[in-house]
Amino acid sequence: MDSAAGEASARFDEFAASVSGPLLRLAFARTGNTADAEDLVQEALIAAHRKWDVVGGYQDPALWARRVVLNHSVSRWRRRGRERLAVARLADRRLAVDGNEPVLADEALWAAVRTLSARQRDVVLLLWFEDLPVSDVAVVLGCGEETVRTHWRRARAKLAEQLGDDDVEDDEWR
């Protein structure tokens, strides 16, 4: 790393250390949730790092970072509002799965599904909620059927752990 890049990196590190606390307070005041606030700060710092050659030249880069936190909090609020509306529209719709009928408005279930990796979440949504066969899920995701089964087993185990369901059988297939 050359001295200019090292200096820019040091300036960014110094910036991040100095604004993390104030940004976290702002984000928490905006969201009321520590985890969401931490995510917003992380997103703002990532955005600042990506554009540091521009942001670092601002008279007060912290102001830019605050604006990013506020903009991202609004985006999250709108996204969650849309999710709540979608869940409300589907609340009385039930999907039959292996003899169980989970309600789409089950917030604990959705929260647990959102913690899965992107690929596991896709497999769960396609296999369980969309009721597609493993072969179709493999085509949609561009992977092999065994990969789909692996993601399904791992996702089911994680969901069972989070939702307190000890009756998950790894080899249960339609």
N, C-alpha and C. Protein backbone atom coordinates (compact mmCIF):
# COMPACT_ATOMS: atom_id res chain seq x y z
N MET A 1 0.86 -1.16 0.00
CA MET A 1 0.00 0.00 0.00
C MET A 1 0.90 1.23 0.00
N ASP A 2 0.62 2.17 -0.91
CA ASP A 2 1.44 3.37 -0.97
C ASP A 2 1.06 4.33 0.15
N SER A 3 1.85 5.36 0.34
CA SER A 3 1.63 6.26 1.48
C SER A 3 0.32 7.03 1.37
N ALA A 4 -0.12 7.39 0.15
CA ALA A 4 -1.38 8.10 -0.01
C ALA A 4 -2.56 7.20 0.38
N ALA A 5 -2.50 5.95 -0.07
CA ALA A 5 -3.56 5.01 0.28
C ALA A 5 -3.56 4.73 1.77
N GLY A 6 -2.37 4.62 2.34
CA GLY A 6 -2.27 4.39 3.79
C GLY A 6 -2.81 5.57 4.58
N GLU A 7 -2.53 6.77 4.10
CA GLU A 7 -3.03 7.98 4.76
C GLU A 7 -4.56 8.05 4.66
N ALA A 8 -5.11 7.73 3.47
CA ALA A 8 -6.57 7.73 3.28
C ALA A 8 -7.22 6.69 4.19
N SER A 9 -6.58 5.52 4.28
CA SER A 9 -7.11 4.47 5.15
C SER A 9 -7.09 4.90 6.61
N ALA A 10 -6.01 5.52 7.01
CA ALA A 10 -5.91 6.01 8.40
C ALA A 10 -6.94 7.10 8.67
N ARG A 11 -7.16 7.98 7.68
CA ARG A 11 -8.17 9.04 7.85
C ARG A 11 -9.56 8.43 7.97
N PHE A 12 -9.84 7.39 7.16
CA PHE A 12 -11.15 6.76 7.26
C PHE A 12 -11.32 6.08 8.61
N ASP A 13 -10.30 5.36 9.07
CA ASP A 13 -10.37 4.68 10.37
C ASP A 13 -10.63 5.69 11.48
N GLU A 14 -9.96 6.82 11.42
CA GLU A 14 -10.14 7.89 12.41
C GLU A 14 -11.57 8.44 12.33
N PHE A 15 -12.04 8.66 11.10
CA PHE A 15 -13.42 9.13 10.88
C PHE A 15 -14.42 8.15 11.47
N ALA A 16 -14.27 6.87 11.13
CA ALA A 16 -15.22 5.85 11.59
C ALA A 16 -15.25 5.78 13.11
N ALA A 17 -14.09 5.84 13.73
CA ALA A 17 -14.03 5.78 15.20
C ALA A 17 -14.71 7.00 15.82
N SER A 18 -14.55 8.16 15.18
CA SER A 18 -15.11 9.39 15.78
C SER A 18 -16.62 9.52 15.58
N VAL A 19 -17.16 8.93 14.51
CA VAL A 19 -18.59 9.12 14.25
C VAL A 19 -19.45 7.93 14.65
N SER A 20 -18.87 6.79 14.96
CA SER A 20 -19.67 5.60 15.27
C SER A 20 -20.63 5.82 16.43
N GLY A 21 -20.15 6.40 17.51
CA GLY A 21 -21.01 6.65 18.67
C GLY A 21 -22.16 7.61 18.36
N PRO A 22 -21.86 8.78 17.81
CA PRO A 22 -22.95 9.70 17.47
C PRO A 22 -23.93 9.13 16.44
N LEU A 23 -23.42 8.40 15.45
CA LEU A 23 -24.31 7.80 14.47
C LEU A 23 -25.20 6.74 15.11
N LEU A 24 -24.63 5.97 16.03
CA LEU A 24 -25.43 4.95 16.72
C LEU A 24 -26.54 5.59 17.54
N ARG A 25 -26.23 6.68 18.23
CA ARG A 25 -27.28 7.38 19.00
C ARG A 25 -28.37 7.90 18.08
N LEU A 26 -27.98 8.48 16.96
CA LEU A 26 -28.95 9.00 16.00
C LEU A 26 -29.82 7.87 15.46
N ALA A 27 -29.18 6.79 15.05
CA ALA A 27 -29.91 5.66 14.48
C ALA A 27 -30.84 5.03 15.51
N PHE A 28 -30.39 4.92 16.75
CA PHE A 28 -31.24 4.35 17.79
C PHE A 28 -32.44 5.25 18.05
N ALA A 29 -32.20 6.55 18.10
CA ALA A 29 -33.31 7.50 18.32
C ALA A 29 -34.32 7.39 17.18
N ARG A 30 -33.84 7.13 15.99
CA ARG A 30 -34.71 7.04 14.82
C ARG A 30 -35.49 5.72 14.79
N THR A 31 -34.83 4.61 15.18
CA THR A 31 -35.45 3.29 15.05
C THR A 31 -36.02 2.73 16.33
N GLY A 32 -35.43 3.11 17.47
CA GLY A 32 -35.86 2.54 18.74
C GLY A 32 -35.38 1.11 18.94
N ASN A 33 -34.47 0.65 18.10
CA ASN A 33 -34.03 -0.74 18.14
C ASN A 33 -32.51 -0.77 17.99
N THR A 34 -31.83 -1.36 18.94
CA THR A 34 -30.37 -1.39 18.92
C THR A 34 -29.81 -2.12 17.70
N ALA A 35 -30.37 -3.27 17.38
CA ALA A 35 -29.87 -4.05 16.24
C ALA A 35 -30.05 -3.27 14.94
N ASP A 36 -31.21 -2.68 14.75
CA ASP A 36 -31.44 -1.88 13.55
C ASP A 36 -30.50 -0.68 13.51
N ALA A 37 -30.28 -0.07 14.65
CA ALA A 37 -29.38 1.09 14.72
C ALA A 37 -27.96 0.68 14.34
N GLU A 38 -27.50 -0.44 14.85
CA GLU A 38 -26.16 -0.92 14.51
C GLU A 38 -26.05 -1.21 13.02
N ASP A 39 -27.09 -1.80 12.45
CA ASP A 39 -27.10 -2.08 11.01
C ASP A 39 -27.02 -0.79 10.21
N LEU A 40 -27.77 0.22 10.63
CA LEU A 40 -27.76 1.50 9.91
C LEU A 40 -26.38 2.15 9.96
N VAL A 41 -25.75 2.09 11.11
CA VAL A 41 -24.40 2.67 11.24
C VAL A 41 -23.43 1.91 10.34
N GLN A 42 -23.54 0.60 10.34
CA GLN A 42 -22.65 -0.20 9.50
C GLN A 42 -22.87 0.13 8.03
N GLU A 43 -24.12 0.26 7.62
CA GLU A 43 -24.41 0.61 6.23
C GLU A 43 -23.84 1.98 5.87
N ALA A 44 -23.96 2.94 6.78
CA ALA A 44 -23.43 4.28 6.53
C ALA A 44 -21.91 4.25 6.42
N LEU A 45 -21.26 3.50 7.30
CA LEU A 45 -19.80 3.43 7.25
C LEU A 45 -19.32 2.69 6.00
N ILE A 46 -20.04 1.69 5.59
CA ILE A 46 -19.68 0.98 4.35
C ILE A 46 -19.82 1.92 3.16
N ALA A 47 -20.92 2.67 3.13
CA ALA A 47 -21.12 3.64 2.05
C ALA A 47 -20.01 4.69 2.05
N ALA A 48 -19.64 5.17 3.24
CA ALA A 48 -18.57 6.16 3.34
C ALA A 48 -17.25 5.58 2.86
N HIS A 49 -16.97 4.35 3.24
CA HIS A 49 -15.71 3.71 2.83
C HIS A 49 -15.64 3.55 1.32
N ARG A 50 -16.76 3.14 0.73
CA ARG A 50 -16.80 2.95 -0.72
C ARG A 50 -16.53 4.25 -1.47
N LYS A 51 -16.99 5.37 -0.90
CA LYS A 51 -16.86 6.67 -1.56
C LYS A 51 -15.89 7.58 -0.82
N TRP A 52 -14.96 6.99 -0.09
CA TRP A 52 -14.10 7.79 0.78
C TRP A 52 -13.30 8.84 0.03
N ASP A 53 -12.93 8.56 -1.22
CA ASP A 53 -12.17 9.56 -1.98
C ASP A 53 -12.99 10.84 -2.17
N VAL A 54 -14.32 10.73 -2.21
CA VAL A 54 -15.19 11.91 -2.31
C VAL A 54 -15.60 12.38 -0.92
N VAL A 55 -16.12 11.47 -0.11
CA VAL A 55 -16.64 11.81 1.22
C VAL A 55 -15.54 12.38 2.10
N GLY A 56 -14.36 11.83 2.01
CA GLY A 56 -13.24 12.31 2.82
C GLY A 56 -12.85 13.74 2.50
N GLY A 57 -13.22 14.21 1.33
CA GLY A 57 -12.92 15.58 0.95
C GLY A 57 -13.94 16.60 1.40
N TYR A 58 -15.08 16.13 1.92
CA TYR A 58 -16.10 17.06 2.41
C TYR A 58 -15.58 17.80 3.62
N GLN A 59 -16.11 19.01 3.82
CA GLN A 59 -15.71 19.80 4.98
C GLN A 59 -16.04 19.06 6.28
N ASP A 60 -17.23 18.40 6.31
CA ASP A 60 -17.62 17.62 7.48
C ASP A 60 -18.24 16.31 7.01
N PRO A 61 -17.44 15.26 6.82
CA PRO A 61 -17.98 13.98 6.35
C PRO A 61 -19.02 13.38 7.29
N ALA A 62 -18.98 13.76 8.56
CA ALA A 62 -19.95 13.23 9.53
C ALA A 62 -21.37 13.66 9.17
N LEU A 63 -21.52 14.84 8.60
CA LEU A 63 -22.86 15.29 8.18
C LEU A 63 -23.40 14.40 7.08
N TRP A 64 -22.52 14.05 6.14
CA TRP A 64 -22.92 13.15 5.07
C TRP A 64 -23.34 11.80 5.65
N ALA A 65 -22.57 11.29 6.60
CA ALA A 65 -22.88 9.99 7.21
C ALA A 65 -24.21 10.04 7.97
N ARG A 66 -24.49 11.16 8.62
CA ARG A 66 -25.78 11.30 9.31
C ARG A 66 -26.94 11.25 8.31
N ARG A 67 -26.76 11.91 7.18
CA ARG A 67 -27.80 11.90 6.14
C ARG A 67 -28.02 10.48 5.64
N VAL A 68 -26.94 9.73 5.48
CA VAL A 68 -27.06 8.34 5.03
C VAL A 68 -27.86 7.53 6.05
N VAL A 69 -27.56 7.70 7.33
CA VAL A 69 -28.29 6.99 8.38
C VAL A 69 -29.78 7.33 8.31
N LEU A 70 -30.09 8.60 8.19
CA LEU A 70 -31.50 9.00 8.13
C LEU A 70 -32.19 8.47 6.88
N ASN A 71 -31.52 8.57 5.73
CA ASN A 71 -32.11 8.05 4.49
C ASN A 71 -32.33 6.55 4.56
N HIS A 72 -31.35 5.83 5.08
CA HIS A 72 -31.50 4.37 5.17
C HIS A 72 -32.58 3.99 6.18
N SER A 73 -32.73 4.78 7.24
CA SER A 73 -33.79 4.46 8.21
C SER A 73 -35.16 4.64 7.59
N VAL A 74 -35.31 5.65 6.76
CA VAL A 74 -36.58 5.86 6.07
C VAL A 74 -36.84 4.70 5.11
N SER A 75 -35.81 4.29 4.38
CA SER A 75 -35.96 3.18 3.45
C SER A 75 -36.38 1.90 4.18
N ARG A 76 -35.76 1.65 5.34
CA ARG A 76 -36.12 0.46 6.13
C ARG A 76 -37.56 0.56 6.62
N TRP A 77 -37.93 1.74 7.08
CA TRP A 77 -39.29 1.95 7.59
C TRP A 77 -40.30 1.69 6.48
N ARG A 78 -40.04 2.22 5.29
CA ARG A 78 -40.95 2.00 4.16
C ARG A 78 -41.01 0.53 3.78
N ARG A 79 -39.84 -0.14 3.74
CA ARG A 79 -39.79 -1.55 3.38
C ARG A 79 -40.58 -2.38 4.39
N ARG A 80 -40.39 -2.10 5.67
CA ARG A 80 -41.13 -2.86 6.70
C ARG A 80 -42.62 -2.59 6.61
N GLY A 81 -42.98 -1.35 6.28
CA GLY A 81 -44.40 -1.03 6.09
C GLY A 81 -45.00 -1.84 4.95
N ARG A 82 -44.26 -1.94 3.85
CA ARG A 82 -44.73 -2.75 2.73
C ARG A 82 -44.82 -4.22 3.12
N GLU A 83 -43.85 -4.71 3.90
CA GLU A 83 -43.90 -6.10 4.35
C GLU A 83 -45.12 -6.34 5.23
N ARG A 84 -45.40 -5.40 6.14
CA ARG A 84 -46.57 -5.56 7.01
C ARG A 84 -47.86 -5.57 6.20
N LEU A 85 -47.96 -4.70 5.19
CA LEU A 85 -49.15 -4.70 4.35
C LEU A 85 -49.30 -6.01 3.59
N ALA A 86 -48.20 -6.52 3.07
CA ALA A 86 -48.24 -7.78 2.34
C ALA A 86 -48.67 -8.92 3.27
N VAL A 87 -48.12 -8.95 4.46
CA VAL A 87 -48.48 -9.99 5.43
C VAL A 87 -49.96 -9.85 5.81
N ALA A 88 -50.42 -8.62 6.00
CA ALA A 88 -51.83 -8.40 6.35
C ALA A 88 -52.75 -8.89 5.24
N ARG A 89 -52.36 -8.63 3.98
CA ARG A 89 -53.19 -9.09 2.85
C ARG A 89 -53.25 -10.61 2.78
N LEU A 90 -52.17 -11.26 3.21
CA LEU A 90 -52.09 -12.71 3.13
C LEU A 90 -52.45 -13.41 4.45
N ALA A 91 -52.80 -12.63 5.46
CA ALA A 91 -52.98 -13.18 6.81
C ALA A 91 -53.98 -14.32 6.88
N ASP A 92 -55.04 -14.23 6.11
CA ASP A 92 -56.04 -15.29 6.22
C ASP A 92 -55.80 -16.41 5.21
N ARG A 93 -54.72 -16.30 4.45
CA ARG A 93 -54.32 -17.36 3.53
C ARG A 93 -53.42 -18.33 4.26
N ARG A 94 -53.65 -19.59 4.13
CA ARG A 94 -52.81 -20.59 4.78
C ARG A 94 -52.23 -21.50 3.71
N LEU A 95 -51.03 -21.97 3.98
CA LEU A 95 -50.38 -22.90 3.07
C LEU A 95 -50.22 -24.24 3.75
N ALA A 96 -50.71 -25.30 3.14
CA ALA A 96 -50.58 -26.63 3.71
C ALA A 96 -49.19 -27.17 3.42
N VAL A 97 -48.48 -27.57 4.46
CA VAL A 97 -47.14 -28.11 4.31
C VAL A 97 -46.98 -29.27 5.27
N ASP A 98 -46.76 -30.47 4.73
CA ASP A 98 -46.54 -31.66 5.56
C ASP A 98 -47.58 -31.79 6.67
N GLY A 99 -48.83 -31.46 6.38
CA GLY A 99 -49.88 -31.58 7.39
C GLY A 99 -49.96 -30.39 8.31
N ASN A 100 -48.99 -29.48 8.28
CA ASN A 100 -49.04 -28.26 9.09
C ASN A 100 -49.56 -27.13 8.22
N GLU A 101 -50.16 -26.15 8.85
CA GLU A 101 -50.64 -24.99 8.10
C GLU A 101 -50.15 -23.73 8.78
N PRO A 102 -48.93 -23.28 8.46
CA PRO A 102 -48.42 -22.06 9.09
C PRO A 102 -49.16 -20.84 8.58
N VAL A 103 -49.47 -19.93 9.48
CA VAL A 103 -50.11 -18.69 9.10
C VAL A 103 -49.03 -17.74 8.60
N LEU A 104 -49.27 -17.10 7.48
CA LEU A 104 -48.26 -16.23 6.91
C LEU A 104 -47.97 -15.03 7.80
N ALA A 105 -48.86 -14.68 8.69
CA ALA A 105 -48.64 -13.54 9.57
C ALA A 105 -47.88 -13.92 10.84
N ASP A 106 -47.37 -15.14 10.92
CA ASP A 106 -46.61 -15.60 12.08
C ASP A 106 -45.28 -14.87 12.13
N GLU A 107 -45.21 -13.81 12.93
CA GLU A 107 -44.03 -12.94 12.96
C GLU A 107 -42.79 -13.68 13.43
N ALA A 108 -42.93 -14.60 14.37
CA ALA A 108 -41.77 -15.35 14.85
C ALA A 108 -41.18 -16.19 13.72
N LEU A 109 -42.04 -16.80 12.93
CA LEU A 109 -41.58 -17.60 11.81
C LEU A 109 -40.84 -16.73 10.79
N TRP A 110 -41.42 -15.59 10.43
CA TRP A 110 -40.78 -14.71 9.45
C TRP A 110 -39.46 -14.17 9.99
N ALA A 111 -39.42 -13.84 11.26
CA ALA A 111 -38.18 -13.35 11.85
C ALA A 111 -37.10 -14.42 11.78
N ALA A 112 -37.47 -15.66 12.05
CA ALA A 112 -36.51 -16.76 11.99
C ALA A 112 -36.06 -17.00 10.54
N VAL A 113 -36.98 -16.94 9.60
CA VAL A 113 -36.63 -17.14 8.19
C VAL A 113 -35.65 -16.06 7.74
N ARG A 114 -35.85 -14.82 8.21
CA ARG A 114 -34.97 -13.72 7.81
C ARG A 114 -33.55 -13.88 8.34
N THR A 115 -33.34 -14.72 9.34
CA THR A 115 -31.99 -14.92 9.88
C THR A 115 -31.18 -15.92 9.06
N LEU A 116 -31.84 -16.65 8.19
CA LEU A 116 -31.15 -17.66 7.38
C LEU A 116 -30.26 -16.98 6.34
N SER A 117 -29.28 -17.71 5.85
CA SER A 117 -28.48 -17.19 4.75
C SER A 117 -29.41 -16.99 3.55
N ALA A 118 -28.98 -16.18 2.60
CA ALA A 118 -29.83 -15.89 1.44
C ALA A 118 -30.21 -17.17 0.70
N ARG A 119 -29.26 -18.08 0.50
CA ARG A 119 -29.55 -19.31 -0.24
C ARG A 119 -30.50 -20.20 0.55
N GLN A 120 -30.28 -20.33 1.87
CA GLN A 120 -31.19 -21.14 2.69
C GLN A 120 -32.59 -20.54 2.68
N ARG A 121 -32.67 -19.22 2.77
CA ARG A 121 -33.97 -18.54 2.76
C ARG A 121 -34.68 -18.81 1.44
N ASP A 122 -33.95 -18.73 0.33
CA ASP A 122 -34.56 -19.00 -0.98
C ASP A 122 -35.07 -20.43 -1.06
N VAL A 123 -34.28 -21.37 -0.56
CA VAL A 123 -34.70 -22.77 -0.58
C VAL A 123 -35.96 -22.96 0.26
N VAL A 124 -36.01 -22.38 1.44
CA VAL A 124 -37.19 -22.50 2.30
C VAL A 124 -38.41 -21.91 1.61
N LEU A 125 -38.25 -20.72 1.04
CA LEU A 125 -39.39 -20.07 0.40
C LEU A 125 -39.89 -20.87 -0.80
N LEU A 126 -38.96 -21.40 -1.60
CA LEU A 126 -39.38 -22.14 -2.78
C LEU A 126 -39.92 -23.53 -2.45
N LEU A 127 -39.25 -24.24 -1.52
CA LEU A 127 -39.72 -25.59 -1.17
C LEU A 127 -40.96 -25.56 -0.29
N TRP A 128 -40.92 -24.72 0.72
CA TRP A 128 -41.96 -24.77 1.73
C TRP A 128 -43.15 -23.89 1.39
N PHE A 129 -42.88 -22.61 1.11
CA PHE A 129 -43.99 -21.69 0.88
C PHE A 129 -44.55 -21.79 -0.54
N GLU A 130 -43.67 -22.01 -1.51
CA GLU A 130 -44.14 -22.13 -2.88
C GLU A 130 -44.48 -23.57 -3.24
N ASP A 131 -44.06 -24.52 -2.41
CA ASP A 131 -44.35 -25.95 -2.58
C ASP A 131 -43.84 -26.50 -3.92
N LEU A 132 -42.65 -26.03 -4.32
CA LEU A 132 -42.03 -26.54 -5.54
C LEU A 132 -41.27 -27.82 -5.23
N PRO A 133 -41.16 -28.72 -6.20
CA PRO A 133 -40.34 -29.91 -5.99
C PRO A 133 -38.86 -29.54 -6.00
N VAL A 134 -38.04 -30.39 -5.39
CA VAL A 134 -36.61 -30.14 -5.29
C VAL A 134 -36.00 -29.89 -6.67
N SER A 135 -36.42 -30.64 -7.65
CA SER A 135 -35.86 -30.48 -9.00
C SER A 135 -36.13 -29.07 -9.56
N ASP A 136 -37.30 -28.53 -9.32
CA ASP A 136 -37.61 -27.18 -9.79
C ASP A 136 -36.83 -26.12 -9.02
N VAL A 137 -36.66 -26.33 -7.72
CA VAL A 137 -35.89 -25.38 -6.91
C VAL A 137 -34.45 -25.36 -7.42
N ALA A 138 -33.91 -26.52 -7.74
CA ALA A 138 -32.55 -26.59 -8.27
C ALA A 138 -32.42 -25.81 -9.57
N VAL A 139 -33.42 -25.89 -10.42
CA VAL A 139 -33.39 -25.15 -11.68
C VAL A 139 -33.47 -23.65 -11.42
N VAL A 140 -34.40 -23.24 -10.54
CA VAL A 140 -34.56 -21.81 -10.24
C VAL A 140 -33.28 -21.23 -9.67
N LEU A 141 -32.62 -21.97 -8.77
CA LEU A 141 -31.42 -21.46 -8.10
C LEU A 141 -30.13 -21.75 -8.87
N GLY A 142 -30.22 -22.54 -9.92
CA GLY A 142 -29.03 -22.84 -10.71
C GLY A 142 -28.02 -23.69 -9.99
N CYS A 143 -28.50 -24.70 -9.26
CA CYS A 143 -27.60 -25.58 -8.53
C CYS A 143 -28.14 -27.01 -8.61
N GLY A 144 -27.43 -27.94 -8.01
CA GLY A 144 -27.85 -29.33 -8.03
C GLY A 144 -28.90 -29.62 -6.97
N GLU A 145 -29.61 -30.72 -7.17
CA GLU A 145 -30.65 -31.12 -6.23
C GLU A 145 -30.07 -31.42 -4.85
N GLU A 146 -28.88 -32.02 -4.81
CA GLU A 146 -28.27 -32.33 -3.51
C GLU A 146 -27.92 -31.04 -2.77
N THR A 147 -27.52 -30.00 -3.49
CA THR A 147 -27.24 -28.71 -2.87
C THR A 147 -28.52 -28.14 -2.27
N VAL A 148 -29.63 -28.27 -2.97
CA VAL A 148 -30.92 -27.82 -2.45
C VAL A 148 -31.24 -28.58 -1.17
N ARG A 149 -31.06 -29.91 -1.20
CA ARG A 149 -31.35 -30.71 -0.01
C ARG A 149 -30.46 -30.31 1.18
N THR A 150 -29.20 -30.02 0.90
CA THR A 150 -28.27 -29.60 1.96
C THR A 150 -28.73 -28.29 2.59
N HIS A 151 -29.06 -27.32 1.75
CA HIS A 151 -29.54 -26.03 2.27
C HIS A 151 -30.85 -26.22 3.04
N TRP A 152 -31.72 -27.10 2.56
CA TRP A 152 -33.00 -27.37 3.23
C TRP A 152 -32.76 -27.96 4.63
N ARG A 153 -31.87 -28.95 4.72
CA ARG A 153 -31.59 -29.56 6.03
C ARG A 153 -31.02 -28.54 6.99
N ARG A 154 -30.07 -27.75 6.53
CA ARG A 154 -29.45 -26.74 7.40
C ARG A 154 -30.45 -25.67 7.82
N ALA A 155 -31.28 -25.25 6.89
CA ALA A 155 -32.29 -24.23 7.21
C ALA A 155 -33.30 -24.78 8.21
N ARG A 156 -33.76 -26.01 8.00
CA ARG A 156 -34.73 -26.61 8.92
C ARG A 156 -34.14 -26.74 10.32
N ALA A 157 -32.87 -27.13 10.40
CA ALA A 157 -32.23 -27.28 11.70
C ALA A 157 -32.14 -25.92 12.41
N LYS A 158 -31.77 -24.90 11.67
CA LYS A 158 -31.65 -23.57 12.27
C LYS A 158 -33.02 -23.04 12.68
N LEU A 159 -34.03 -23.23 11.84
CA LEU A 159 -35.38 -22.79 12.18
C LEU A 159 -35.91 -23.55 13.39
N ALA A 160 -35.65 -24.84 13.43
CA ALA A 160 -36.11 -25.65 14.56
C ALA A 160 -35.47 -25.17 15.86
N GLU A 161 -34.19 -24.86 15.78
CA GLU A 161 -33.48 -24.35 16.96
C GLU A 161 -34.08 -23.02 17.42
N GLN A 162 -34.31 -22.12 16.48
CA GLN A 162 -34.83 -20.80 16.82
C GLN A 162 -36.28 -20.83 17.28
N LEU A 163 -37.07 -21.73 16.70
CA LEU A 163 -38.50 -21.77 17.01
C LEU A 163 -38.84 -22.81 18.07
N GLY A 164 -37.81 -23.53 18.56
CA GLY A 164 -38.03 -24.49 19.64
C GLY A 164 -38.77 -25.74 19.20
N ASP A 165 -38.55 -26.20 17.99
CA ASP A 165 -39.20 -27.41 17.48
C ASP A 165 -38.16 -28.52 17.44
N ASP A 166 -38.30 -29.49 18.36
CA ASP A 166 -37.33 -30.59 18.45
C ASP A 166 -37.67 -31.76 17.54
N ASP A 167 -38.80 -31.69 16.83
CA ASP A 167 -39.25 -32.81 16.03
C ASP A 167 -38.86 -32.71 14.56
N VAL A 168 -37.78 -32.02 14.25
CA VAL A 168 -37.36 -31.88 12.86
C VAL A 168 -36.59 -33.13 12.44
N GLU A 169 -37.05 -33.76 11.37
CA GLU A 169 -36.38 -34.92 10.84
C GLU A 169 -35.62 -34.49 9.60
N ASP A 170 -34.29 -34.74 9.59
CA ASP A 170 -33.46 -34.31 8.47
C ASP A 170 -33.82 -34.98 7.15
N ASP A 171 -34.33 -36.20 7.20
CA ASP A 171 -34.57 -36.91 5.95
C ASP A 171 -36.02 -36.84 5.50
N GLU A 172 -36.78 -35.90 6.00
CA GLU A 172 -38.18 -35.78 5.65
C GLU A 172 -38.34 -35.09 4.29
N TRP A 173 -38.84 -35.84 3.30
CA TRP A 173 -39.04 -35.31 1.96
C TRP A 173 -40.39 -35.68 1.44
N ARG A 174 -40.89 -34.86 0.53
CA ARG A 174 -42.20 -35.11 -0.06
C ARG A 174 -42.15 -36.22 -1.05
